[in-house]
Amino acid sequence: EIGFSLAYGALMLKTWRISVIFRVRSAKAVKITDLDLMKRLGIIVGV
């Protein structure tokens, strides 16, 4: 389970970041850092 959450969590969060970036319709830039993704991955592994 920890291996699953680390491997697929990283893949899903990478894809999530791309979806957020390309879904934005405003001129304001969206910035999701690698640290933000690591925090979210920590939450997934924590759950």
All heavy atoms as atom14 arrays in JSON, in Angstrom:
{
  "sequence": "EIGFSLAYGALMLKTWRISVIFRVRSAKAVKITDLDLMKRLGIIVGV",
  "atom14_mask": [
    [1, 1, 1, 1, 1, 1, 1, 1, 1, 0, 0, 0, 0, 0],
    [1, 1, 1, 1, 1, 1, 1, 1, 0, 0, 0, 0, 0, 0],
    [1, 1, 1, 1, 0, 0, 0, 0, 0, 0, 0, 0, 0, 0],
    [1, 1, 1, 1, 1, 1, 1, 1, 1, 1, 1, 0, 0, 0],
    [1, 1, 1, 1, 1, 1, 0, 0, 0, 0, 0, 0, 0, 0],
    [1, 1, 1, 1, 1, 1, 1, 1, 0, 0, 0, 0, 0, 0],
    [1, 1, 1, 1, 1, 0, 0, 0, 0, 0, 0, 0, 0, 0],
    [1, 1, 1, 1, 1, 1, 1, 1, 1, 1, 1, 1, 0, 0],
    [1, 1, 1, 1, 0, 0, 0, 0, 0, 0, 0, 0, 0, 0],
    [1, 1, 1, 1, 1, 0, 0, 0, 0, 0, 0, 0, 0, 0],
    [1, 1, 1, 1, 1, 1, 1, 1, 0, 0, 0, 0, 0, 0],
    [1, 1, 1, 1, 1, 1, 1, 1, 0, 0, 0, 0, 0, 0],
    [1, 1, 1, 1, 1, 1, 1, 1, 0, 0, 0, 0, 0, 0],
    [1, 1, 1, 1, 1, 1, 1, 1, 1, 0, 0, 0, 0, 0],
    [1, 1, 1, 1, 1, 1, 1, 0, 0, 0, 0, 0, 0, 0],
    [1, 1, 1, 1, 1, 1, 1, 1, 1, 1, 1, 1, 1, 1],
    [1, 1, 1, 1, 1, 1, 1, 1, 1, 1, 1, 0, 0, 0],
    [1, 1, 1, 1, 1, 1, 1, 1, 0, 0, 0, 0, 0, 0],
    [1, 1, 1, 1, 1, 1, 0, 0, 0, 0, 0, 0, 0, 0],
    [1, 1, 1, 1, 1, 1, 1, 0, 0, 0, 0, 0, 0, 0],
    [1, 1, 1, 1, 1, 1, 1, 1, 0, 0, 0, 0, 0, 0],
    [1, 1, 1, 1, 1, 1, 1, 1, 1, 1, 1, 0, 0, 0],
    [1, 1, 1, 1, 1, 1, 1, 1, 1, 1, 1, 0, 0, 0],
    [1, 1, 1, 1, 1, 1, 1, 0, 0, 0, 0, 0, 0, 0],
    [1, 1, 1, 1, 1, 1, 1, 1, 1, 1, 1, 0, 0, 0],
    [1, 1, 1, 1, 1, 1, 0, 0, 0, 0, 0, 0, 0, 0],
    [1, 1, 1, 1, 1, 0, 0, 0, 0, 0, 0, 0, 0, 0],
    [1, 1, 1, 1, 1, 1, 1, 1, 1, 0, 0, 0, 0, 0],
    [1, 1, 1, 1, 1, 0, 0, 0, 0, 0, 0, 0, 0, 0],
    [1, 1, 1, 1, 1, 1, 1, 0, 0, 0, 0, 0, 0, 0],
    [1, 1, 1, 1, 1, 1, 1, 1, 1, 0, 0, 0, 0, 0],
    [1, 1, 1, 1, 1, 1, 1, 1, 0, 0, 0, 0, 0, 0],
    [1, 1, 1, 1, 1, 1, 1, 0, 0, 0, 0, 0, 0, 0],
    [1, 1, 1, 1, 1, 1, 1, 1, 0, 0, 0, 0, 0, 0],
    [1, 1, 1, 1, 1, 1, 1, 1, 0, 0, 0, 0, 0, 0],
    [1, 1, 1, 1, 1, 1, 1, 1, 0, 0, 0, 0, 0, 0],
    [1, 1, 1, 1, 1, 1, 1, 1, 0, 0, 0, 0, 0, 0],
    [1, 1, 1, 1, 1, 1, 1, 1, 0, 0, 0, 0, 0, 0],
    [1, 1, 1, 1, 1, 1, 1, 1, 1, 0, 0, 0, 0, 0],
    [1, 1, 1, 1, 1, 1, 1, 1, 1, 1, 1, 0, 0, 0],
    [1, 1, 1, 1, 1, 1, 1, 1, 0, 0, 0, 0, 0, 0],
    [1, 1, 1, 1, 0, 0, 0, 0, 0, 0, 0, 0, 0, 0],
    [1, 1, 1, 1, 1, 1, 1, 1, 0, 0, 0, 0, 0, 0],
    [1, 1, 1, 1, 1, 1, 1, 1, 0, 0, 0, 0, 0, 0],
    [1, 1, 1, 1, 1, 1, 1, 0, 0, 0, 0, 0, 0, 0],
    [1, 1, 1, 1, 0, 0, 0, 0, 0, 0, 0, 0, 0, 0],
    [1, 1, 1, 1, 1, 1, 1, 0, 0, 0, 0, 0, 0, 0]
  ],
  "atom14_positions": [
    [[0.82, -1.22, 0.0], [0.0, 0.0, 0.0], [0.85, 1.27, 0.0], [0.51, 2.24, -0.67], [-0.97, 0.0, 1.18], [-1.99, -1.11, 1.12], [-2.81, -1.14, -0.15], [-3.1, -0.07, -0.72], [-3.15, -2.25, -0.59], [0.0, 0.0, 0.0], [0.0, 0.0, 0.0], [0.0, 0.0, 0.0], [0.0, 0.0, 0.0], [0.0, 0.0, 0.0]],
    [[1.93, 1.29, 0.76], [2.8, 2.47, 0.75], [3.47, 2.61, -0.62], [3.57, 3.72, -1.15], [3.85, 2.38, 1.88], [3.17, 2.39, 3.25], [4.87, 3.51, 1.77], [2.39, 3.65, 3.55], [0.0, 0.0, 0.0], [0.0, 0.0, 0.0], [0.0, 0.0, 0.0], [0.0, 0.0, 0.0], [0.0, 0.0, 0.0], [0.0, 0.0, 0.0]],
    [[3.9, 1.51, -1.21], [4.47, 1.57, -2.55], [3.46, 2.05, -3.57], [3.79, 2.87, -4.45], [0.0, 0.0, 0.0], [0.0, 0.0, 0.0], [0.0, 0.0, 0.0], [0.0, 0.0, 0.0], [0.0, 0.0, 0.0], [0.0, 0.0, 0.0], [0.0, 0.0, 0.0], [0.0, 0.0, 0.0], [0.0, 0.0, 0.0], [0.0, 0.0, 0.0]],
    [[2.24, 1.57, -3.47], [1.18, 2.01, -4.38], [0.93, 3.5, -4.23], [0.85, 4.23, -5.23], [-0.11, 1.23, -4.11], [-1.27, 1.69, -4.94], [-1.48, 1.18, -6.2], [-2.16, 2.65, -4.45], [-2.56, 1.61, -6.97], [-3.22, 3.09, -5.22], [-3.42, 2.57, -6.47], [0.0, 0.0, 0.0], [0.0, 0.0, 0.0], [0.0, 0.0, 0.0]],
    [[0.79, 3.96, -2.99], [0.48, 5.38, -2.78], [1.62, 6.28, -3.22], [1.38, 7.38, -3.75], [0.11, 5.64, -1.32], [1.21, 5.38, -0.47], [0.0, 0.0, 0.0], [0.0, 0.0, 0.0], [0.0, 0.0, 0.0], [0.0, 0.0, 0.0], [0.0, 0.0, 0.0], [0.0, 0.0, 0.0], [0.0, 0.0, 0.0], [0.0, 0.0, 0.0]],
    [[2.86, 5.85, -3.05], [3.99, 6.66, -3.51], [4.07, 6.7, -5.04], [4.21, 7.77, -5.64], [5.3, 6.12, -2.94], [5.63, 6.49, -1.51], [6.86, 5.72, -1.05], [5.86, 7.98, -1.38], [0.0, 0.0, 0.0], [0.0, 0.0, 0.0], [0.0, 0.0, 0.0], [0.0, 0.0, 0.0], [0.0, 0.0, 0.0], [0.0, 0.0, 0.0]],
    [[4.0, 5.55, -5.67], [4.17, 5.48, -7.12], [3.01, 6.15, -7.85], [3.21, 7.06, -8.67], [4.3, 4.02, -7.55], [0.0, 0.0, 0.0], [0.0, 0.0, 0.0], [0.0, 0.0, 0.0], [0.0, 0.0, 0.0], [0.0, 0.0, 0.0], [0.0, 0.0, 0.0], [0.0, 0.0, 0.0], [0.0, 0.0, 0.0], [0.0, 0.0, 0.0]],
    [[1.8, 5.73, -7.55], [0.66, 6.26, -8.27], [0.27, 7.65, -7.77], [-0.27, 8.46, -8.53], [-0.52, 5.29, -8.24], [-0.25, 4.15, -9.17], [0.32, 2.97, -8.71], [-0.5, 4.26, -10.52], [0.62, 1.94, -9.57], [-0.22, 3.24, -11.39], [0.34, 2.08, -10.91], [0.64, 1.06, -11.77], [0.0, 0.0, 0.0], [0.0, 0.0, 0.0]],
    [[0.56, 7.96, -6.52], [0.34, 9.31, -6.02], [1.18, 10.32, -6.78], [0.7, 11.39, -7.16], [0.0, 0.0, 0.0], [0.0, 0.0, 0.0], [0.0, 0.0, 0.0], [0.0, 0.0, 0.0], [0.0, 0.0, 0.0], [0.0, 0.0, 0.0], [0.0, 0.0, 0.0], [0.0, 0.0, 0.0], [0.0, 0.0, 0.0], [0.0, 0.0, 0.0]],
    [[2.45, 9.99, -7.02], [3.32, 10.9, -7.77], [2.82, 11.07, -9.21], [2.79, 12.19, -9.73], [4.75, 10.36, -7.76], [0.0, 0.0, 0.0], [0.0, 0.0, 0.0], [0.0, 0.0, 0.0], [0.0, 0.0, 0.0], [0.0, 0.0, 0.0], [0.0, 0.0, 0.0], [0.0, 0.0, 0.0], [0.0, 0.0, 0.0], [0.0, 0.0, 0.0]],
    [[2.41, 9.98, -9.84], [1.89, 10.08, -11.21], [0.61, 10.91, -11.27], [0.44, 11.75, -12.16], [1.61, 8.68, -11.77], [2.82, 7.84, -12.17], [2.37, 6.45, -12.56], [3.59, 8.5, -13.28], [0.0, 0.0, 0.0], [0.0, 0.0, 0.0], [0.0, 0.0, 0.0], [0.0, 0.0, 0.0], [0.0, 0.0, 0.0], [0.0, 0.0, 0.0]],
    [[-0.29, 10.67, -10.33], [-1.56, 11.4, -10.33], [-1.35, 12.88, -10.06], [-1.98, 13.73, -10.69], [-2.52, 10.84, -9.3], [-2.86, 9.39, -9.43], [-3.38, 8.91, -11.05], [-3.31, 7.17, -10.85], [0.0, 0.0, 0.0], [0.0, 0.0, 0.0], [0.0, 0.0, 0.0], [0.0, 0.0, 0.0], [0.0, 0.0, 0.0], [0.0, 0.0, 0.0]],
    [[-0.46, 13.2, -9.13], [-0.23, 14.6, -8.81], [0.44, 15.34, -9.95], [0.16, 16.51, -10.21], [0.59, 14.73, -7.52], [-0.17, 14.36, -6.25], [0.75, 14.35, -5.06], [-1.34, 15.31, -6.02], [0.0, 0.0, 0.0], [0.0, 0.0, 0.0], [0.0, 0.0, 0.0], [0.0, 0.0, 0.0], [0.0, 0.0, 0.0], [0.0, 0.0, 0.0]],
    [[1.33, 14.66, -10.66], [1.95, 15.27, -11.84], [0.88, 15.57, -12.88], [0.84, 16.66, -13.47], [3.0, 14.34, -12.41], [3.71, 14.87, -13.62], [4.67, 13.83, -14.15], [5.46, 14.32, -15.31], [4.69, 14.82, -16.41], [0.0, 0.0, 0.0], [0.0, 0.0, 0.0], [0.0, 0.0, 0.0], [0.0, 0.0, 0.0], [0.0, 0.0, 0.0]],
    [[0.0, 14.64, -13.11], [-1.09, 14.84, -14.07], [-2.06, 15.9, -13.57], [-2.57, 16.71, -14.36], [-1.81, 13.51, -14.33], [-0.84, 12.53, -14.69], [-2.83, 13.64, -15.44], [0.0, 0.0, 0.0], [0.0, 0.0, 0.0], [0.0, 0.0, 0.0], [0.0, 0.0, 0.0], [0.0, 0.0, 0.0], [0.0, 0.0, 0.0], [0.0, 0.0, 0.0]],
    [[-2.31, 15.93, -12.28], [-3.2, 16.93, -11.7], [-2.64, 18.34, -11.92], [-3.38, 19.26, -12.27], [-3.38, 16.66, -10.21], [-4.12, 17.75, -9.49], [-5.46, 17.97, -9.49], [-3.53, 18.77, -8.69], [-5.74, 19.08, -8.73], [-4.57, 19.58, -8.23], [-2.23, 19.07, -8.32], [-4.35, 20.69, -7.42], [-2.0, 20.17, -7.51], [-3.05, 20.97, -7.07]],
    [[-1.31, 18.49, -11.74], [-0.7, 19.81, -11.95], [-0.88, 20.25, -13.41], [-1.21, 21.4, -13.67], [0.78, 19.78, -11.59], [1.47, 21.1, -11.91], [2.82, 21.28, -11.32], [3.76, 20.22, -11.58], [5.0, 20.22, -11.09], [5.42, 21.22, -10.34], [5.81, 19.21, -11.34], [0.0, 0.0, 0.0], [0.0, 0.0, 0.0], [0.0, 0.0, 0.0]],
    [[-0.7, 19.35, -14.34], [-0.88, 19.69, -15.76], [-2.34, 20.07, -16.02], [-2.63, 21.03, -16.75], [-0.43, 18.53, -16.65], [1.08, 18.37, -16.54], [-0.84, 18.76, -18.1], [1.62, 17.11, -17.18], [0.0, 0.0, 0.0], [0.0, 0.0, 0.0], [0.0, 0.0, 0.0], [0.0, 0.0, 0.0], [0.0, 0.0, 0.0], [0.0, 0.0, 0.0]],
    [[-3.28, 19.35, -15.41], [-4.7, 19.67, -15.63], [-5.05, 21.03, -15.06], [-5.82, 21.77, -15.66], [-5.59, 18.58, -15.03], [-5.63, 18.67, -13.63], [0.0, 0.0, 0.0], [0.0, 0.0, 0.0], [0.0, 0.0, 0.0], [0.0, 0.0, 0.0], [0.0, 0.0, 0.0], [0.0, 0.0, 0.0], [0.0, 0.0, 0.0], [0.0, 0.0, 0.0]],
    [[-4.49, 21.38, -13.91], [-4.77, 22.68, -13.32], [-4.18, 23.79, -14.19], [-4.83, 24.81, -14.44], [-4.2, 22.76, -11.87], [-4.21, 24.18, -11.36], [-5.0, 21.86, -10.96], [0.0, 0.0, 0.0], [0.0, 0.0, 0.0], [0.0, 0.0, 0.0], [0.0, 0.0, 0.0], [0.0, 0.0, 0.0], [0.0, 0.0, 0.0], [0.0, 0.0, 0.0]],
    [[-2.97, 23.6, -14.67], [-2.31, 24.63, -15.48], [-3.07, 24.88, -16.78], [-3.27, 26.03, -17.18], [-0.85, 24.24, -15.75], [-0.04, 24.33, -14.46], [-0.23, 25.11, -16.83], [1.35, 23.77, -14.55], [0.0, 0.0, 0.0], [0.0, 0.0, 0.0], [0.0, 0.0, 0.0], [0.0, 0.0, 0.0], [0.0, 0.0, 0.0], [0.0, 0.0, 0.0]],
    [[-3.5, 23.84, -17.45], [-4.15, 24.01, -18.74], [-5.65, 24.24, -18.64], [-6.3, 24.53, -19.64], [-3.85, 22.82, -19.65], [-2.45, 22.84, -20.17], [-1.49, 22.03, -19.6], [-2.09, 23.69, -21.2], [-0.18, 22.06, -20.06], [-0.8, 23.73, -21.66], [0.16, 22.92, -21.09], [0.0, 0.0, 0.0], [0.0, 0.0, 0.0], [0.0, 0.0, 0.0]],
    [[-6.23, 24.14, -17.46], [-7.65, 24.4, -17.27], [-7.94, 25.87, -16.99], [-9.04, 26.36, -17.19], [-8.17, 23.54, -16.13], [-9.66, 23.48, -16.03], [-10.13, 22.51, -15.01], [-9.07, 21.99, -14.16], [-9.2, 21.69, -12.89], [-10.35, 21.84, -12.3], [-8.18, 21.21, -12.19], [0.0, 0.0, 0.0], [0.0, 0.0, 0.0], [0.0, 0.0, 0.0]],
    [[-6.93, 26.6, -16.52], [-7.1, 28.0, -16.15], [-7.38, 28.83, -17.4], [-6.67, 28.73, -18.4], [-5.85, 28.52, -15.41], [-5.94, 30.01, -15.18], [-5.67, 27.78, -14.11], [0.0, 0.0, 0.0], [0.0, 0.0, 0.0], [0.0, 0.0, 0.0], [0.0, 0.0, 0.0], [0.0, 0.0, 0.0], [0.0, 0.0, 0.0], [0.0, 0.0, 0.0]],
    [[-8.42, 29.65, -17.35], [-8.81, 30.47, -18.5], [-8.44, 31.94, -18.3], [-8.66, 32.75, -19.17], [-10.32, 30.36, -18.75], [-10.76, 28.97, -19.04], [-10.32, 28.56, -20.42], [-10.81, 27.22, -20.72], [-10.14, 26.34, -21.42], [-8.96, 26.64, -21.88], [-10.62, 25.15, -21.65], [0.0, 0.0, 0.0], [0.0, 0.0, 0.0], [0.0, 0.0, 0.0]],
    [[-7.94, 32.29, -17.14], [-7.6, 33.69, -16.89], [-6.15, 33.97, -17.27], [-5.37, 33.06, -17.54], [-7.83, 34.03, -15.41], [-6.9, 33.32, -14.62], [0.0, 0.0, 0.0], [0.0, 0.0, 0.0], [0.0, 0.0, 0.0], [0.0, 0.0, 0.0], [0.0, 0.0, 0.0], [0.0, 0.0, 0.0], [0.0, 0.0, 0.0], [0.0, 0.0, 0.0]],
    [[-5.81, 35.25, -17.28], [-4.44, 35.65, -17.63], [-3.48, 35.44, -16.46], [-2.26, 35.49, -16.63], [-4.43, 37.11, -18.05], [0.0, 0.0, 0.0], [0.0, 0.0, 0.0], [0.0, 0.0, 0.0], [0.0, 0.0, 0.0], [0.0, 0.0, 0.0], [0.0, 0.0, 0.0], [0.0, 0.0, 0.0], [0.0, 0.0, 0.0], [0.0, 0.0, 0.0]],
    [[-4.02, 35.2, -15.3], [-3.19, 35.01, -14.11], [-2.49, 33.64, -14.18], [-3.14, 32.61, -14.43], [-4.06, 35.09, -12.87], [-3.29, 34.96, -11.58], [-4.23, 35.03, -10.38], [-3.46, 34.78, -9.12], [-4.36, 34.68, -7.96], [0.0, 0.0, 0.0], [0.0, 0.0, 0.0], [0.0, 0.0, 0.0], [0.0, 0.0, 0.0], [0.0, 0.0, 0.0]],
    [[-1.2, 33.64, -13.97], [-0.43, 32.4, -14.03], [-0.67, 31.56, -12.79], [-0.75, 32.08, -11.68], [1.05, 32.71, -14.18], [0.0, 0.0, 0.0], [0.0, 0.0, 0.0], [0.0, 0.0, 0.0], [0.0, 0.0, 0.0], [0.0, 0.0, 0.0], [0.0, 0.0, 0.0], [0.0, 0.0, 0.0], [0.0, 0.0, 0.0], [0.0, 0.0, 0.0]],
    [[-0.76, 30.28, -12.99], [-0.93, 29.35, -11.88], [0.43, 28.73, -11.61], [1.1, 28.24, -12.52], [-1.95, 28.25, -12.24], [-2.02, 27.2, -11.15], [-3.3, 28.85, -12.49], [0.0, 0.0, 0.0], [0.0, 0.0, 0.0], [0.0, 0.0, 0.0], [0.0, 0.0, 0.0], [0.0, 0.0, 0.0], [0.0, 0.0, 0.0], [0.0, 0.0, 0.0]],
    [[0.83, 28.76, -10.35], [2.13, 28.21, -10.01], [1.94, 27.14, -8.93], [1.51, 27.43, -7.82], [3.06, 29.3, -9.51], [4.45, 28.8, -9.24], [5.39, 29.92, -8.87], [6.79, 29.35, -8.65], [7.73, 30.4, -8.26], [0.0, 0.0, 0.0], [0.0, 0.0, 0.0], [0.0, 0.0, 0.0], [0.0, 0.0, 0.0], [0.0, 0.0, 0.0]],
    [[2.23, 25.92, -9.3], [2.21, 24.8, -8.35], [3.63, 24.26, -8.31], [4.1, 23.67, -9.27], [1.21, 23.71, -8.78], [-0.2, 24.3, -8.89], [1.23, 22.56, -7.8], [-1.2, 23.34, -9.49], [0.0, 0.0, 0.0], [0.0, 0.0, 0.0], [0.0, 0.0, 0.0], [0.0, 0.0, 0.0], [0.0, 0.0, 0.0], [0.0, 0.0, 0.0]],
    [[4.29, 24.46, -7.19], [5.7, 24.08, -7.08], [5.83, 22.6, -6.77], [4.86, 21.93, -6.39], [6.4, 24.89, -5.98], [5.79, 24.57, -4.71], [6.27, 26.39, -6.23], [0.0, 0.0, 0.0], [0.0, 0.0, 0.0], [0.0, 0.0, 0.0], [0.0, 0.0, 0.0], [0.0, 0.0, 0.0], [0.0, 0.0, 0.0], [0.0, 0.0, 0.0]],
    [[7.07, 22.12, -6.91], [7.33, 20.73, -6.56], [7.11, 20.5, -5.07], [6.68, 19.41, -4.67], [8.76, 20.36, -6.94], [8.97, 20.27, -8.44], [7.96, 20.12, -9.16], [10.12, 20.33, -8.88], [0.0, 0.0, 0.0], [0.0, 0.0, 0.0], [0.0, 0.0, 0.0], [0.0, 0.0, 0.0], [0.0, 0.0, 0.0], [0.0, 0.0, 0.0]],
    [[7.38, 21.5, -4.25], [7.15, 21.38, -2.81], [5.66, 21.2, -2.52], [5.29, 20.41, -1.64], [7.71, 22.59, -2.07], [7.64, 22.54, -0.55], [8.43, 21.34, -0.02], [8.14, 23.83, 0.05], [0.0, 0.0, 0.0], [0.0, 0.0, 0.0], [0.0, 0.0, 0.0], [0.0, 0.0, 0.0], [0.0, 0.0, 0.0], [0.0, 0.0, 0.0]],
    [[4.82, 21.92, -3.27], [3.37, 21.75, -3.11], [2.95, 20.31, -3.43], [2.14, 19.71, -2.72], [2.6, 22.71, -4.02], [2.79, 24.16, -3.62], [3.08, 24.42, -2.45], [2.63, 25.02, -4.52], [0.0, 0.0, 0.0], [0.0, 0.0, 0.0], [0.0, 0.0, 0.0], [0.0, 0.0, 0.0], [0.0, 0.0, 0.0], [0.0, 0.0, 0.0]],
    [[3.53, 19.77, -4.49], [3.22, 18.38, -4.86], [3.72, 17.4, -3.8], [3.06, 16.41, -3.5], [3.81, 18.04, -6.23], [3.21, 18.78, -7.42], [3.88, 18.31, -8.7], [1.72, 18.58, -7.5], [0.0, 0.0, 0.0], [0.0, 0.0, 0.0], [0.0, 0.0, 0.0], [0.0, 0.0, 0.0], [0.0, 0.0, 0.0], [0.0, 0.0, 0.0]],
    [[4.9, 17.67, -3.25], [5.43, 16.78, -2.21], [4.55, 16.8, -0.96], [4.35, 15.77, -0.32], [6.87, 17.18, -1.86], [7.85, 16.96, -2.99], [8.01, 15.24, -3.43], [9.1, 14.7, -2.14], [0.0, 0.0, 0.0], [0.0, 0.0, 0.0], [0.0, 0.0, 0.0], [0.0, 0.0, 0.0], [0.0, 0.0, 0.0], [0.0, 0.0, 0.0]],
    [[4.03, 17.98, -0.62], [3.12, 18.07, 0.53], [1.86, 17.24, 0.28], [1.39, 16.51, 1.16], [2.74, 19.52, 0.8], [3.86, 20.35, 1.37], [3.42, 21.79, 1.53], [4.57, 22.68, 1.96], [4.19, 24.1, 2.01], [0.0, 0.0, 0.0], [0.0, 0.0, 0.0], [0.0, 0.0, 0.0], [0.0, 0.0, 0.0], [0.0, 0.0, 0.0]],
    [[1.32, 17.37, -0.91], [0.11, 16.6, -1.25], [0.39, 15.1, -1.29], [-0.45, 14.29, -0.88], [-0.47, 17.07, -2.57], [-1.03, 18.47, -2.5], [-1.48, 18.97, -3.86], [-1.79, 20.37, -3.84], [-2.98, 20.89, -3.59], [-3.99, 20.09, -3.32], [-3.16, 22.18, -3.6], [0.0, 0.0, 0.0], [0.0, 0.0, 0.0], [0.0, 0.0, 0.0]],
    [[1.58, 14.74, -1.77], [1.96, 13.32, -1.77], [2.09, 12.82, -0.34], [1.7, 11.69, -0.03], [3.26, 13.11, -2.54], [3.74, 11.68, -2.69], [2.71, 10.84, -3.44], [5.07, 11.63, -3.4], [0.0, 0.0, 0.0], [0.0, 0.0, 0.0], [0.0, 0.0, 0.0], [0.0, 0.0, 0.0], [0.0, 0.0, 0.0], [0.0, 0.0, 0.0]],
    [[2.63, 13.65, 0.54], [2.71, 13.29, 1.95], [1.33, 13.06, 2.56], [1.15, 12.15, 3.38], [0.0, 0.0, 0.0], [0.0, 0.0, 0.0], [0.0, 0.0, 0.0], [0.0, 0.0, 0.0], [0.0, 0.0, 0.0], [0.0, 0.0, 0.0], [0.0, 0.0, 0.0], [0.0, 0.0, 0.0], [0.0, 0.0, 0.0], [0.0, 0.0, 0.0]],
    [[0.37, 13.87, 2.15], [-1.01, 13.69, 2.64], [-1.58, 12.37, 2.15], [-2.2, 11.62, 2.91], [-1.9, 14.88, 2.22], [-1.46, 16.14, 2.96], [-3.36, 14.59, 2.44], [-2.09, 17.42, 2.43], [0.0, 0.0, 0.0], [0.0, 0.0, 0.0], [0.0, 0.0, 0.0], [0.0, 0.0, 0.0], [0.0, 0.0, 0.0], [0.0, 0.0, 0.0]],
    [[-1.34, 12.05, 0.87], [-1.84, 10.79, 0.32], [-1.23, 9.6, 1.05], [-1.94, 8.67, 1.47], [-1.56, 10.71, -1.19], [-2.42, 11.73, -1.94], [-1.8, 9.3, -1.74], [-2.05, 11.91, -3.4], [0.0, 0.0, 0.0], [0.0, 0.0, 0.0], [0.0, 0.0, 0.0], [0.0, 0.0, 0.0], [0.0, 0.0, 0.0], [0.0, 0.0, 0.0]],
    [[0.09, 9.63, 1.23], [0.77, 8.53, 1.94], [0.3, 8.49, 3.39], [0.12, 7.4, 3.97], [2.3, 8.68, 1.83], [3.01, 7.67, 2.71], [2.75, 8.53, 0.39], [0.0, 0.0, 0.0], [0.0, 0.0, 0.0], [0.0, 0.0, 0.0], [0.0, 0.0, 0.0], [0.0, 0.0, 0.0], [0.0, 0.0, 0.0], [0.0, 0.0, 0.0]],
    [[0.07, 9.66, 3.98], [-0.42, 9.71, 5.36], [-1.78, 9.07, 5.52], [-2.03, 8.35, 6.49], [0.0, 0.0, 0.0], [0.0, 0.0, 0.0], [0.0, 0.0, 0.0], [0.0, 0.0, 0.0], [0.0, 0.0, 0.0], [0.0, 0.0, 0.0], [0.0, 0.0, 0.0], [0.0, 0.0, 0.0], [0.0, 0.0, 0.0], [0.0, 0.0, 0.0]],
    [[-2.68, 9.32, 4.57], [-4.02, 8.72, 4.64], [-3.92, 7.2, 4.54], [-4.55, 6.48, 5.33], [-4.92, 9.3, 3.51], [-6.2, 8.48, 3.36], [-5.24, 10.75, 3.78], [0.0, 0.0, 0.0], [0.0, 0.0, 0.0], [0.0, 0.0, 0.0], [0.0, 0.0, 0.0], [0.0, 0.0, 0.0], [0.0, 0.0, 0.0], [0.0, 0.0, 0.0]]
  ]
}
